[in-house]
Amino acid sequence: MADMLELTAVEAHEAMAAGELDAGEYAEAWSKAAAGDDLNAYLWRNEDGDGGAIAVDRPSIAPIAVKDIFCTEGVPTTAGSRILDGYRPPYTATAVQRLIEAGAPILGKTNMDEFAMGSSNENSAYGPVLNPWDRTRVPGGSSGGSAAVVGGGLAPWAIGTDTGGSIRQPAALCGIVGLKPTYGAISRYGMIAFASSLDQCGPLTRDVRDAALLLAILQGADPCDSTSVGLRQAPQLPDREDLKGLRFAVPSDLTEHVFDAGVRQVFEATLEKIEALGGELGEVSLPHAEHGISAYYVIAPAEASSNLARYDGVRYGMRAGADGDLIQMYEKTRAEGFGAEVKRRIMLGTYALSSGYYDAYYGQAQKVRTKIAADFRTAFEEFDFVVTPTSPSVAFGLGEKTADPLAMYLNDFFTVPMSLAGIPAISIPAGLSEPEGGGPRLPVGFQIAAPAFAEQGLLDASYALEQAIGFDARPQGVRGG
């Protein structure tokens, strides 16, 4: 058999089922690949192949990397924060448990922006992750570690979380596929909370078929999470070859905004491929979507300020001494344990929820969210999908935007509206483009959004488009690159 690490997860699964690939040898090969991490992408690796409570008795599908926001029994879980130093959960997140039960060995836990707050993975307390395409650039965030291990050949696939674009944006910047399912499709039990009404687990994979297989394993209602409902039926592997009869909407309210010329060129070329496959294009108005960023950065910090109140040094994680004074211990623990971005969002959220400001900020933001969801429902009465670039630019340089939080927040301009509406969206690699100012050609992502619980149709259309694009570029030094 050809180099087993060249196989997609679906190909490996089929080869194992046919007895053509030894599952143990395959898992060991990926374990060795993960050990070569030079991107700071793993925070913990399953080096002895055991993993204790998260061990897999009989591997039957590809091993997987897990974002370090998912609780894993007996294994360090930090959410990228110093405040959870030394925390070893007494239970395993439902999403991870389903992977284990399906026979997926856990390769390791991946680096991330602290508590999933960030778009560059520079907010991790354990150092930034490097982009496998250019180690002077960011991989995106907050699931930057998961995207980097897949894009950099350190894992066959991974799971991450998406609150406002944290799966799709790093997938775009690392040249892989990233899927945010419908809110409620996958259980959030054991997934450390950032913004509970937005957080959603999802796949980061090499291709669309791998994303479909991983979603089929992860999805489903969970009695431990009352917001989980699952999908009507588990997704099937897509095999669609054309886009005939499908209508794709280009939202003028979003695409008229400034984004890199190279990104625009790839986006327009991809629209032409949709038409070549028989798909119909049309313009649609999403009049409130451009206000998505403003609403998101009120709602998400407000929920975070509540969710992160539990980290006080009493129950788990680090504790800073304060000579026996309880209040001082709270204050010192949170001051030393939280990073600058987390503190910023806690303060923003607390202010937005404070007496006298709740209706002016949080209440208004929720009204905008309702309007955005209504805009999408109206669009889907006429169109099957809404398409945009995934990110306004290709991967930017390390440190380039850290001094300007507003510029950093705008990286989620195209992804936040779908999160606020709770609808599924996928990013697929559409081509390469030079960054503004010159430099090596880097991946550009193309985003497709669908109505709630329409994941099968979204995967089918994405697969047909993926085949037409034929993106097979790899970072230099990665197998096939």
Protein backbone atom coordinates (compact mmCIF):
# COMPACT_ATOMS: atom_id res chain seq x y z
CA MET A 1 0.00 0.00 0.00
CA ALA A 2 1.15 3.56 -0.73
CA ASP A 3 2.31 5.75 2.14
CA MET A 4 -0.46 5.27 4.66
CA LEU A 5 -0.20 8.87 5.85
CA GLU A 6 -1.25 10.02 2.39
CA LEU A 7 -4.65 8.37 2.85
CA THR A 8 -7.62 10.52 3.80
CA ALA A 9 -9.48 9.42 6.92
CA VAL A 10 -12.26 7.94 4.77
CA GLU A 11 -9.77 6.02 2.63
CA ALA A 12 -8.03 4.71 5.74
CA HIS A 13 -11.34 3.68 7.29
CA GLU A 14 -12.34 1.78 4.15
CA ALA A 15 -8.91 0.11 3.93
CA MET A 16 -9.09 -0.98 7.59
CA ALA A 17 -12.61 -2.36 7.08
CA ALA A 18 -11.37 -4.34 4.06
CA GLY A 19 -8.41 -5.72 5.99
CA GLU A 20 -5.92 -3.91 3.75
CA LEU A 21 -4.55 -1.62 6.46
CA ASP A 22 -3.43 -2.58 9.93
CA ALA A 23 -5.13 -0.17 12.37
CA GLY A 24 -2.36 -0.44 14.94
CA GLU A 25 0.41 0.33 12.43
CA TYR A 26 -1.60 3.21 11.04
CA ALA A 27 -2.16 4.74 14.50
CA GLU A 28 1.53 4.29 15.33
CA ALA A 29 2.58 6.04 12.11
CA TRP A 30 0.43 9.05 12.99
CA SER A 31 1.75 9.05 16.55
CA LYS A 32 5.28 9.35 15.15
CA ALA A 33 4.15 12.15 12.83
CA ALA A 34 2.61 14.02 15.77
CA ALA A 35 5.87 13.68 17.69
CA GLY A 36 7.50 15.81 14.99
CA ASP A 37 5.38 18.84 15.95
CA ASP A 38 7.44 21.98 15.29
CA LEU A 39 4.45 24.31 15.13
CA ASN A 40 3.69 24.42 18.89
CA ALA A 41 0.36 22.89 17.87
CA TYR A 42 0.07 20.16 20.54
CA LEU A 43 -0.17 20.96 24.25
CA TRP A 44 -0.33 17.26 25.21
CA ARG A 45 0.46 14.19 23.15
CA ASN A 46 -0.56 10.61 23.84
CA GLU A 47 3.08 9.53 23.71
CA ASP A 48 2.74 6.07 25.20
CA GLY A 49 -0.35 5.22 23.16
CA ASP A 50 -2.30 4.60 26.36
CA GLY A 51 -4.12 7.75 27.42
CA GLY A 52 -5.68 6.05 30.43
CA ALA A 53 -9.42 6.66 30.48
CA ILE A 54 -9.40 7.95 26.89
CA ALA A 55 -7.60 4.89 25.50
CA VAL A 56 -9.14 3.00 22.56
CA ASP A 57 -9.22 -0.78 22.88
CA ARG A 58 -9.51 -1.58 19.17
CA PRO A 59 -8.73 1.26 16.73
CA SER A 60 -11.03 1.15 13.72
CA ILE A 61 -10.87 4.68 12.29
CA ALA A 62 -8.16 7.31 11.91
CA PRO A 63 -6.60 8.75 15.09
CA ILE A 64 -7.66 12.29 15.89
CA ALA A 65 -6.37 15.50 17.47
CA VAL A 66 -8.66 17.19 19.99
CA LYS A 67 -8.77 20.90 20.81
CA ASP A 68 -7.74 21.42 24.43
CA ILE A 69 -11.14 22.87 25.27
CA PHE A 70 -12.68 19.39 25.53
CA CYS A 71 -12.53 17.69 28.91
CA THR A 72 -10.66 14.38 28.82
CA GLU A 73 -10.69 12.25 31.96
CA GLY A 74 -7.33 12.17 33.71
CA VAL A 75 -5.61 14.12 30.92
CA PRO A 76 -4.50 17.78 31.28
CA THR A 77 -7.15 20.18 29.97
CA THR A 78 -6.21 23.86 29.97
CA ALA A 79 -8.38 25.69 27.41
CA GLY A 80 -5.12 27.50 26.61
CA SER A 81 -5.15 29.26 29.99
CA ARG A 82 -2.79 29.36 32.96
CA ILE A 83 -5.79 29.44 35.27
CA LEU A 84 -6.41 25.76 34.44
CA ASP A 85 -2.78 24.69 34.93
CA GLY A 86 -2.75 21.17 36.33
CA TYR A 87 -6.48 20.55 35.83
CA ARG A 88 -7.29 16.92 35.01
CA PRO A 89 -11.04 16.50 34.51
CA PRO A 90 -12.89 13.63 36.22
CA TYR A 91 -14.96 12.99 33.07
CA THR A 92 -14.73 13.07 29.27
CA ALA A 93 -16.68 15.35 26.93
CA THR A 94 -19.48 13.63 24.99
CA ALA A 95 -17.92 14.53 21.61
CA VAL A 96 -14.61 12.92 22.60
CA GLN A 97 -16.38 9.91 24.12
CA ARG A 98 -18.20 9.32 20.83
CA LEU A 99 -14.87 9.37 19.00
CA ILE A 100 -13.42 6.85 21.45
CA GLU A 101 -16.46 4.58 21.10
CA ALA A 102 -16.12 4.79 17.31
CA GLY A 103 -12.53 3.53 17.59
CA ALA A 104 -10.56 6.77 17.06
CA PRO A 105 -7.32 6.87 19.10
CA ILE A 106 -6.64 10.32 20.58
CA LEU A 107 -3.34 11.65 19.22
CA GLY A 108 -3.20 14.64 21.56
CA LYS A 109 -4.74 17.91 22.74
CA THR A 110 -4.16 20.95 20.54
CA ASN A 111 -3.14 24.51 21.36
CA MET A 112 -5.74 27.27 21.15
CA ASP A 113 -6.53 30.88 21.98
CA GLU A 114 -7.26 31.14 25.70
CA PHE A 115 -10.87 30.06 26.35
CA ALA A 116 -11.38 30.19 22.56
CA MET A 117 -11.07 33.99 22.51
CA GLY A 118 -9.06 35.00 19.48
CA SER A 119 -8.55 34.83 15.73
CA SER A 120 -4.82 34.15 15.55
CA ASN A 121 -3.91 31.65 18.30
CA GLU A 122 -1.62 34.32 19.76
CA ASN A 123 -3.73 34.52 22.93
CA SER A 124 -2.66 31.09 24.17
CA ALA A 125 -0.87 31.13 27.51
CA TYR A 126 1.43 28.45 26.04
CA GLY A 127 2.69 30.45 23.07
CA PRO A 128 1.37 30.97 19.54
CA VAL A 129 0.84 28.20 17.02
CA LEU A 130 2.75 28.65 13.74
CA ASN A 131 1.10 28.40 10.34
CA PRO A 132 2.40 25.31 8.48
CA TRP A 133 2.50 27.31 5.22
CA ASP A 134 4.68 30.07 6.65
CA ARG A 135 6.04 29.88 10.18
CA THR A 136 6.18 33.68 10.44
CA ARG A 137 2.39 33.82 10.15
CA VAL A 138 -0.62 32.89 12.28
CA PRO A 139 -2.75 29.78 11.67
CA GLY A 140 -5.98 31.57 12.62
CA GLY A 141 -7.97 30.96 15.75
CA SER A 142 -9.21 29.99 18.10
CA SER A 143 -8.87 26.41 16.82
CA GLY A 144 -5.46 27.22 15.35
CA GLY A 145 -3.75 24.17 16.83
CA SER A 146 -6.32 21.78 15.36
CA ALA A 147 -6.10 23.47 11.94
CA ALA A 148 -2.31 23.50 11.99
CA VAL A 149 -1.92 19.79 12.81
CA VAL A 150 -4.18 18.82 9.90
CA GLY A 151 -2.66 21.32 7.48
CA GLY A 152 0.86 20.49 8.65
CA GLY A 153 0.55 16.70 8.35
CA LEU A 154 0.63 16.11 12.13
CA ALA A 155 -2.85 14.53 12.28
CA PRO A 156 -5.28 13.12 9.69
CA TRP A 157 -8.18 15.12 11.14
CA ALA A 158 -9.15 17.06 14.25
CA ILE A 159 -12.03 18.58 16.15
CA GLY A 160 -12.32 22.18 17.24
CA THR A 161 -14.98 24.63 18.37
CA ASP A 162 -16.60 27.51 16.54
CA THR A 163 -18.17 30.45 18.39
CA GLY A 164 -17.84 33.19 15.77
CA GLY A 165 -15.67 31.50 13.14
CA SER A 166 -13.07 29.60 15.17
CA ILE A 167 -13.22 26.48 12.98
CA ARG A 168 -13.80 28.06 9.57
CA GLN A 169 -11.27 30.91 9.75
CA PRO A 170 -8.24 28.78 10.80
CA ALA A 171 -9.28 26.14 8.28
CA ALA A 172 -9.16 28.80 5.57
CA LEU A 173 -5.75 30.10 6.69
CA CYS A 174 -4.28 26.57 6.84
CA GLY A 175 -5.72 25.29 3.55
CA ILE A 176 -8.08 22.64 4.93
CA VAL A 177 -11.83 22.03 5.36
CA GLY A 178 -13.62 23.37 8.44
CA LEU A 179 -17.30 22.77 9.22
CA LYS A 180 -19.47 24.53 11.79
CA PRO A 181 -22.64 22.44 12.13
CA THR A 182 -26.07 23.75 13.07
CA TYR A 183 -26.19 24.86 16.70
CA GLY A 184 -27.34 21.84 18.70
CA ALA A 185 -26.19 19.20 16.20
CA ILE A 186 -23.34 18.09 18.50
CA SER A 187 -23.34 17.93 22.29
CA ARG A 188 -21.50 20.66 24.19
CA TYR A 189 -21.27 18.56 27.37
CA GLY A 190 -17.67 18.64 28.58
CA MET A 191 -16.73 21.44 26.18
CA ILE A 192 -15.41 24.31 28.31
CA ALA A 193 -17.81 27.21 27.77
CA PHE A 194 -16.99 30.56 26.20
CA ALA A 195 -20.38 31.79 24.90
CA SER A 196 -22.94 29.06 25.50
CA SER A 197 -25.52 30.21 22.93
CA LEU A 198 -22.88 30.24 20.18
CA ASP A 199 -20.27 27.54 20.94
CA GLN A 200 -20.39 24.52 18.62
CA CYS A 201 -18.05 21.56 18.09
CA GLY A 202 -17.09 20.66 14.54
CA PRO A 203 -14.60 18.88 12.23
CA LEU A 204 -11.34 20.13 10.70
CA THR A 205 -10.31 17.77 7.92
CA ARG A 206 -8.35 17.37 4.69
CA ASP A 207 -11.45 17.12 2.52
CA VAL A 208 -15.24 17.25 2.56
CA ARG A 209 -15.79 13.49 2.72
CA ASP A 210 -13.69 13.30 5.88
CA ALA A 211 -15.80 16.12 7.35
CA ALA A 212 -18.97 14.16 6.58
CA LEU A 213 -17.65 11.01 8.27
CA LEU A 214 -16.51 12.92 11.35
CA LEU A 215 -19.82 14.77 11.63
CA ALA A 216 -21.69 11.46 11.42
CA ILE A 217 -19.73 10.22 14.44
CA LEU A 218 -20.07 13.40 16.50
CA GLN A 219 -23.69 14.40 15.92
CA GLY A 220 -26.64 13.33 18.03
CA ALA A 221 -28.75 14.35 21.00
CA ASP A 222 -27.23 13.98 24.45
CA PRO A 223 -29.16 13.78 27.75
CA CYS A 224 -26.28 15.69 29.37
CA ASP A 225 -26.86 18.70 27.09
CA SER A 226 -30.41 19.99 26.84
CA THR A 227 -29.49 22.19 23.84
CA SER A 228 -28.38 19.20 21.74
CA VAL A 229 -30.88 17.79 19.27
CA GLY A 230 -28.67 16.09 16.69
CA LEU A 231 -29.42 15.90 12.98
CA ARG A 232 -32.50 14.28 11.46
CA GLN A 233 -30.22 11.54 10.17
CA ALA A 234 -26.48 10.96 10.22
CA PRO A 235 -24.77 12.44 7.14
CA GLN A 236 -23.81 10.11 4.31
CA LEU A 237 -20.55 10.43 2.39
CA PRO A 238 -21.18 12.95 -0.40
CA ASP A 239 -20.75 11.93 -4.04
CA ARG A 240 -22.49 14.70 -5.98
CA GLU A 241 -20.74 15.65 -9.23
CA ASP A 242 -22.56 18.82 -10.28
CA LEU A 243 -24.56 21.73 -8.89
CA LYS A 244 -27.48 21.66 -11.34
CA GLY A 245 -30.70 22.95 -9.87
CA LEU A 246 -29.00 24.66 -6.92
CA ARG A 247 -29.08 28.41 -6.30
CA PHE A 248 -26.21 30.25 -4.60
CA ALA A 249 -26.65 33.72 -3.11
CA VAL A 250 -23.87 36.29 -2.94
CA PRO A 251 -24.74 38.79 -0.18
CA SER A 252 -23.91 42.24 -1.52
CA ASP A 253 -24.11 43.69 2.02
CA LEU A 254 -21.04 41.63 2.98
CA THR A 255 -19.03 41.28 -0.23
CA GLU A 256 -19.00 45.02 -0.93
CA HIS A 257 -16.80 45.47 2.13
CA VAL A 258 -13.03 45.68 1.77
CA PHE A 259 -11.05 42.46 1.60
CA ASP A 260 -7.73 41.59 -0.01
CA ALA A 261 -7.59 41.79 -3.80
CA GLY A 262 -6.13 38.27 -3.99
CA VAL A 263 -8.95 36.88 -1.85
CA ARG A 264 -11.50 38.61 -4.10
CA GLN A 265 -9.86 37.12 -7.19
CA VAL A 266 -10.05 33.58 -5.80
CA PHE A 267 -13.62 34.17 -4.61
CA GLU A 268 -14.77 35.34 -8.05
CA ALA A 269 -12.98 32.43 -9.77
CA THR A 270 -14.84 30.04 -7.45
CA LEU A 271 -18.16 31.65 -8.36
CA GLU A 272 -17.34 30.92 -12.00
CA LYS A 273 -16.74 27.27 -11.12
CA ILE A 274 -20.18 27.13 -9.48
CA GLU A 275 -21.74 28.32 -12.73
CA ALA A 276 -19.62 25.86 -14.74
CA LEU A 277 -21.05 23.03 -12.59
CA GLY A 278 -24.58 24.15 -13.40
CA GLY A 279 -25.28 26.17 -10.27
CA GLU A 280 -27.18 29.45 -10.47
CA LEU A 281 -25.82 32.64 -8.90
CA GLY A 282 -27.78 35.61 -7.64
CA GLU A 283 -27.44 38.55 -5.31
CA VAL A 284 -29.25 38.70 -2.01
CA SER A 285 -29.56 41.34 0.66
CA LEU A 286 -28.69 40.51 4.26
CA PRO A 287 -29.24 44.05 5.56
CA HIS A 288 -28.33 43.35 9.17
CA ALA A 289 -25.39 40.98 8.62
CA GLU A 290 -22.83 43.78 8.47
CA HIS A 291 -23.75 44.58 12.08
CA GLY A 292 -22.94 41.01 13.10
CA ILE A 293 -19.47 41.83 14.44
CA SER A 294 -20.87 44.61 16.63
CA ALA A 295 -23.60 42.37 18.04
CA TYR A 296 -21.25 39.42 18.50
CA TYR A 297 -18.72 41.43 20.51
CA VAL A 298 -21.47 42.35 22.97
CA ILE A 299 -23.22 38.97 23.22
CA ALA A 300 -20.15 36.72 23.38
CA PRO A 301 -18.28 38.73 26.05
CA ALA A 302 -21.49 39.03 28.08
CA GLU A 303 -21.91 35.26 28.15
CA ALA A 304 -18.18 34.82 28.80
CA SER A 305 -18.27 37.14 31.81
CA SER A 306 -20.85 34.81 33.35
CA ASN A 307 -19.24 31.52 32.29
CA LEU A 308 -15.75 32.50 33.48
CA ALA A 309 -16.92 33.61 36.92
CA ARG A 310 -16.37 30.01 38.08
CA TYR A 311 -12.58 30.31 37.80
CA ASP A 312 -11.75 31.67 41.23
CA GLY A 313 -9.02 29.38 42.55
CA VAL A 314 -11.40 27.45 44.81
CA ARG A 315 -12.53 24.38 42.86
CA TYR A 316 -9.97 23.65 40.15
CA GLY A 317 -6.91 24.97 38.37
CA MET A 318 -4.33 27.34 39.79
CA ARG A 319 -4.67 29.21 43.08
CA ALA A 320 -2.66 32.32 43.94
CA GLY A 321 -1.96 32.74 47.66
CA ALA A 322 -3.27 35.81 49.49
CA ASP A 323 -2.35 35.31 53.15
CA GLY A 324 -5.68 33.76 54.06
CA ASP A 325 -7.85 36.56 52.64
CA LEU A 326 -10.56 35.00 50.43
CA ILE A 327 -11.33 38.08 48.31
CA GLN A 328 -7.64 38.76 47.70
CA MET A 329 -7.21 35.13 46.67
CA TYR A 330 -10.02 35.48 44.13
CA GLU A 331 -8.55 38.68 42.74
CA LYS A 332 -4.96 37.48 42.62
CA THR A 333 -5.88 34.13 41.03
CA ARG A 334 -7.88 35.78 38.26
CA ALA A 335 -5.28 38.52 37.75
CA GLU A 336 -2.46 36.01 37.34
CA GLY A 337 -4.44 33.24 35.65
CA PHE A 338 -6.27 35.11 32.88
CA GLY A 339 -4.55 36.66 29.87
CA ALA A 340 -5.10 40.17 28.53
CA GLU A 341 -7.74 39.28 25.92
CA VAL A 342 -9.81 37.25 28.38
CA LYS A 343 -9.72 40.11 30.89
CA ARG A 344 -10.76 42.54 28.15
CA ARG A 345 -13.78 40.46 27.20
CA ILE A 346 -14.82 39.84 30.80
CA MET A 347 -14.81 43.59 31.41
CA LEU A 348 -16.71 44.29 28.20
CA GLY A 349 -19.30 41.64 29.02
CA THR A 350 -19.72 42.69 32.63
CA TYR A 351 -20.26 46.29 31.53
CA ALA A 352 -22.82 45.26 28.90
CA LEU A 353 -24.80 43.31 31.50
CA SER A 354 -24.59 45.95 34.24
CA SER A 355 -27.64 47.75 35.60
CA GLY A 356 -28.60 50.64 33.37
CA TYR A 357 -26.71 49.34 30.33
CA TYR A 358 -28.29 45.91 29.79
CA ASP A 359 -31.05 47.14 27.46
CA ALA A 360 -28.80 49.61 25.67
CA TYR A 361 -26.14 47.03 24.78
CA TYR A 362 -27.01 43.37 25.41
CA GLY A 363 -30.72 43.81 24.65
CA GLN A 364 -30.00 45.68 21.42
CA ALA A 365 -27.41 43.11 20.35
CA GLN A 366 -29.93 40.31 20.81
CA LYS A 367 -32.41 42.21 18.64
CA VAL A 368 -29.77 42.49 15.91
CA ARG A 369 -29.12 38.76 16.23
CA THR A 370 -32.82 38.06 15.71
CA LYS A 371 -32.83 40.29 12.62
CA ILE A 372 -29.77 38.52 11.17
CA ALA A 373 -31.43 35.12 11.62
CA ALA A 374 -34.57 36.47 9.91
CA ASP A 375 -32.47 37.81 7.01
CA PHE A 376 -31.02 34.34 6.42
CA ARG A 377 -34.46 32.70 6.57
CA THR A 378 -35.69 35.14 3.93
CA ALA A 379 -32.66 34.45 1.74
CA PHE A 380 -33.18 30.69 1.97
CA GLU A 381 -36.73 31.04 0.69
CA GLU A 382 -35.20 31.86 -2.70
CA PHE A 383 -31.71 30.32 -2.53
CA ASP A 384 -30.23 27.02 -1.38
CA PHE A 385 -26.92 28.46 -0.11
CA VAL A 386 -25.23 31.73 0.79
CA VAL A 387 -21.56 32.09 -0.21
CA THR A 388 -18.82 34.48 0.94
CA PRO A 389 -15.05 34.46 1.40
CA THR A 390 -14.20 32.84 4.74
CA SER A 391 -11.65 35.44 5.81
CA PRO A 392 -10.95 38.97 4.52
CA SER A 393 -7.27 38.10 4.06
CA VAL A 394 -4.83 35.21 3.90
CA ALA A 395 -2.77 34.41 7.01
CA PHE A 396 -1.20 37.54 8.48
CA GLY A 397 2.10 37.90 10.30
CA LEU A 398 2.67 36.98 13.94
CA GLY A 399 2.25 40.11 16.04
CA GLU A 400 0.81 42.10 13.13
CA LYS A 401 -2.59 42.74 14.74
CA THR A 402 -2.06 42.07 18.44
CA ALA A 403 -1.86 45.80 19.26
CA ASP A 404 -5.18 46.52 17.52
CA PRO A 405 -8.04 44.40 18.93
CA LEU A 406 -10.58 45.91 16.52
CA ALA A 407 -8.50 44.91 13.48
CA MET A 408 -8.21 41.41 14.95
CA TYR A 409 -11.97 41.16 15.52
CA LEU A 410 -12.66 42.00 11.86
CA ASN A 411 -11.11 38.67 10.83
CA ASP A 412 -14.49 37.17 11.76
CA PHE A 413 -16.50 39.59 9.61
CA PHE A 414 -17.71 36.91 7.18
CA THR A 415 -18.16 34.08 9.69
CA VAL A 416 -19.96 35.74 12.62
CA PRO A 417 -23.39 36.20 10.93
CA MET A 418 -23.79 32.43 10.45
CA SER A 419 -22.88 31.80 14.09
CA LEU A 420 -25.42 34.35 15.32
CA ALA A 421 -28.08 32.71 13.12
CA GLY A 422 -27.13 29.20 14.34
CA ILE A 423 -26.91 27.83 10.79
CA PRO A 424 -24.31 25.42 9.35
CA ALA A 425 -21.40 26.76 7.30
CA ILE A 426 -18.31 25.18 5.79
CA SER A 427 -15.00 26.58 4.57
CA ILE A 428 -13.23 24.77 1.75
CA PRO A 429 -9.83 25.71 0.28
CA ALA A 430 -10.40 27.48 -3.03
CA GLY A 431 -6.93 28.48 -4.15
CA LEU A 432 -3.76 30.36 -3.27
CA SER A 433 -3.07 34.09 -3.15
CA GLU A 434 -0.19 36.38 -2.32
CA PRO A 435 -0.72 38.44 0.85
CA GLU A 436 -1.06 42.21 0.55
CA GLY A 437 2.48 43.59 0.38
CA GLY A 438 3.88 40.43 -1.22
CA GLY A 439 5.11 37.12 0.09
CA PRO A 440 4.56 33.41 -0.49
CA ARG A 441 1.21 32.31 -1.91
CA LEU A 442 -1.14 31.23 0.87
CA PRO A 443 -4.51 29.43 1.07
CA VAL A 444 -7.83 31.21 0.57
CA GLY A 445 -11.06 29.79 1.98
CA PHE A 446 -14.52 29.82 0.37
CA GLN A 447 -17.50 29.74 2.75
CA ILE A 448 -20.85 28.11 2.00
CA ALA A 449 -23.79 28.46 4.43
CA ALA A 450 -27.03 26.50 4.41
CA PRO A 451 -30.35 26.49 6.29
CA ALA A 452 -30.43 24.95 9.77
CA PHE A 453 -30.06 21.13 9.76
CA ALA A 454 -29.33 21.05 6.00
CA GLU A 455 -25.86 19.56 6.52
CA GLN A 456 -26.31 16.78 3.97
CA GLY A 457 -27.09 19.19 1.16
CA LEU A 458 -24.24 21.45 2.29
CA LEU A 459 -21.76 18.56 2.22
CA ASP A 460 -23.01 17.36 -1.19
CA ALA A 461 -22.64 20.79 -2.78
CA SER A 462 -19.27 21.41 -1.10
CA TYR A 463 -17.95 18.08 -2.34
CA ALA A 464 -18.94 18.80 -5.95
CA LEU A 465 -17.29 22.22 -5.78
CA GLU A 466 -14.22 20.82 -4.03
CA GLN A 467 -13.71 18.31 -6.85
CA ALA A 468 -14.00 21.05 -9.45
CA ILE A 469 -11.52 23.30 -7.65
CA GLY A 470 -9.03 20.44 -7.30
CA PHE A 471 -7.04 22.10 -4.52
CA ASP A 472 -4.15 19.75 -3.73
CA ALA A 473 -1.42 22.13 -2.62
CA ARG A 474 0.49 21.30 0.56
CA PRO A 475 2.83 23.36 2.71
CA GLN A 476 6.50 22.89 1.88
CA GLY A 477 7.95 19.94 3.80
CA VAL A 478 4.58 18.23 4.26
CA ARG A 479 4.05 14.96 2.39
CA GLY A 480 3.06 15.81 -1.16
CA GLY A 481 4.10 19.46 -0.73
